[in-house]
Amino acid sequence: MSAAEKAKAKAEKILGKAVRKGAHAAGDDTTAAKGGALEARGHGREKKEKGKDAFKH
């Protein structure tokens, strides 16, 4: 997994979690769902890159 893609996945997870938690605190369910989706996309990106690395070695 390249360092740039690893950082991008980590940033999406962190940003998604922050948005989700902030929206929950404010009571905004729509934004909380968007934050959860962003966080899930970061998890998915990380899994994809780890899978690619498994086939390289």
C-alpha atoms as a PDB file:
ATOM      1  CA  MET A   1       0.000   0.000   0.000  1.00  0.00           C
ATOM      2  CA  SER A   2       1.542   3.277  -1.021  1.00  0.00           C
ATOM      3  CA  ALA A   3       2.044   5.864   1.665  1.00  0.00           C
ATOM      4  CA  ALA A   4      -0.199   8.386  -0.093  1.00  0.00           C
ATOM      5  CA  GLU A   5      -3.099   5.971  -0.426  1.00  0.00           C
ATOM      6  CA  LYS A   6      -2.650   4.777   3.154  1.00  0.00           C
ATOM      7  CA  ALA A   7      -2.771   8.379   4.361  1.00  0.00           C
ATOM      8  CA  LYS A   8      -5.858   9.067   2.241  1.00  0.00           C
ATOM      9  CA  ALA A   9      -7.679   6.059   3.722  1.00  0.00           C
ATOM     10  CA  LYS A  10      -6.713   7.063   7.263  1.00  0.00           C
ATOM     11  CA  ALA A  11      -7.805  10.670   6.663  1.00  0.00           C
ATOM     12  CA  GLU A  12     -11.204   9.530   5.350  1.00  0.00           C
ATOM     13  CA  LYS A  13     -11.726   7.338   8.405  1.00  0.00           C
ATOM     14  CA  ILE A  14     -10.774  10.095  10.829  1.00  0.00           C
ATOM     15  CA  LEU A  15     -12.773  12.791   9.049  1.00  0.00           C
ATOM     16  CA  GLY A  16     -15.802  10.514   8.769  1.00  0.00           C
ATOM     17  CA  LYS A  17     -15.690   9.669  12.445  1.00  0.00           C
ATOM     18  CA  ALA A  18     -15.384  13.337  13.415  1.00  0.00           C
ATOM     19  CA  VAL A  19     -18.296  14.349  11.181  1.00  0.00           C
ATOM     20  CA  ARG A  20     -20.436  11.477  12.448  1.00  0.00           C
ATOM     21  CA  LYS A  21     -19.783  12.206  16.127  1.00  0.00           C
ATOM     22  CA  GLY A  22     -20.273  15.952  15.697  1.00  0.00           C
ATOM     23  CA  ALA A  23     -23.535  15.438  13.850  1.00  0.00           C
ATOM     24  CA  HIS A  24     -24.800  13.036  16.505  1.00  0.00           C
ATOM     25  CA  ALA A  25     -24.041  15.625  19.173  1.00  0.00           C
ATOM     26  CA  ALA A  26     -25.959  18.245  17.192  1.00  0.00           C
ATOM     27  CA  GLY A  27     -28.827  15.850  16.480  1.00  0.00           C
ATOM     28  CA  ASP A  28     -28.405  15.951  12.702  1.00  0.00           C
ATOM     29  CA  ASP A  29     -29.086  12.408  11.492  1.00  0.00           C
ATOM     30  CA  THR A  30     -28.533  13.150   7.797  1.00  0.00           C
ATOM     31  CA  THR A  31     -25.036  14.514   8.309  1.00  0.00           C
ATOM     32  CA  ALA A  32     -24.281  11.694  10.747  1.00  0.00           C
ATOM     33  CA  ALA A  33     -25.129   9.182   8.034  1.00  0.00           C
ATOM     34  CA  LYS A  34     -22.884  10.998   5.559  1.00  0.00           C
ATOM     35  CA  GLY A  35     -20.047  10.914   8.083  1.00  0.00           C
ATOM     36  CA  GLY A  36     -20.607   7.204   8.621  1.00  0.00           C
ATOM     37  CA  ALA A  37     -20.488   6.633   4.870  1.00  0.00           C
ATOM     38  CA  LEU A  38     -17.220   8.540   4.614  1.00  0.00           C
ATOM     39  CA  GLU A  39     -15.766   6.499   7.443  1.00  0.00           C
ATOM     40  CA  ALA A  40     -16.888   3.255   5.765  1.00  0.00           C
ATOM     41  CA  ARG A  41     -15.327   4.379   2.482  1.00  0.00           C
ATOM     42  CA  GLY A  42     -12.017   4.849   4.319  1.00  0.00           C
ATOM     43  CA  HIS A  43     -12.280   1.338   5.754  1.00  0.00           C
ATOM     44  CA  GLY A  44     -13.079  -0.058   2.315  1.00  0.00           C
ATOM     45  CA  ARG A  45     -10.182   1.768   0.687  1.00  0.00           C
ATOM     46  CA  GLU A  46      -7.816   0.396   3.327  1.00  0.00           C
ATOM     47  CA  LYS A  47      -9.077  -3.179   2.792  1.00  0.00           C
ATOM     48  CA  LYS A  48      -8.716  -2.812  -0.994  1.00  0.00           C
ATOM     49  CA  GLU A  49      -5.121  -1.661  -0.701  1.00  0.00           C
ATOM     50  CA  LYS A  50      -4.231  -4.444   1.729  1.00  0.00           C
ATOM     51  CA  GLY A  51      -5.730  -6.962  -0.704  1.00  0.00           C
ATOM     52  CA  LYS A  52      -3.651  -5.533  -3.546  1.00  0.00           C
ATOM     53  CA  ASP A  53      -0.534  -5.802  -1.413  1.00  0.00           C
ATOM     54  CA  ALA A  54      -1.283  -9.453  -0.644  1.00  0.00           C
ATOM     55  CA  PHE A  55      -1.136 -10.323  -4.336  1.00  0.00           C
ATOM     56  CA  LYS A  56       2.089  -8.390  -4.940  1.00  0.00           C
ATOM     57  CA  HIS A  57       4.172 -10.527  -2.579  1.00  0.00           C
END
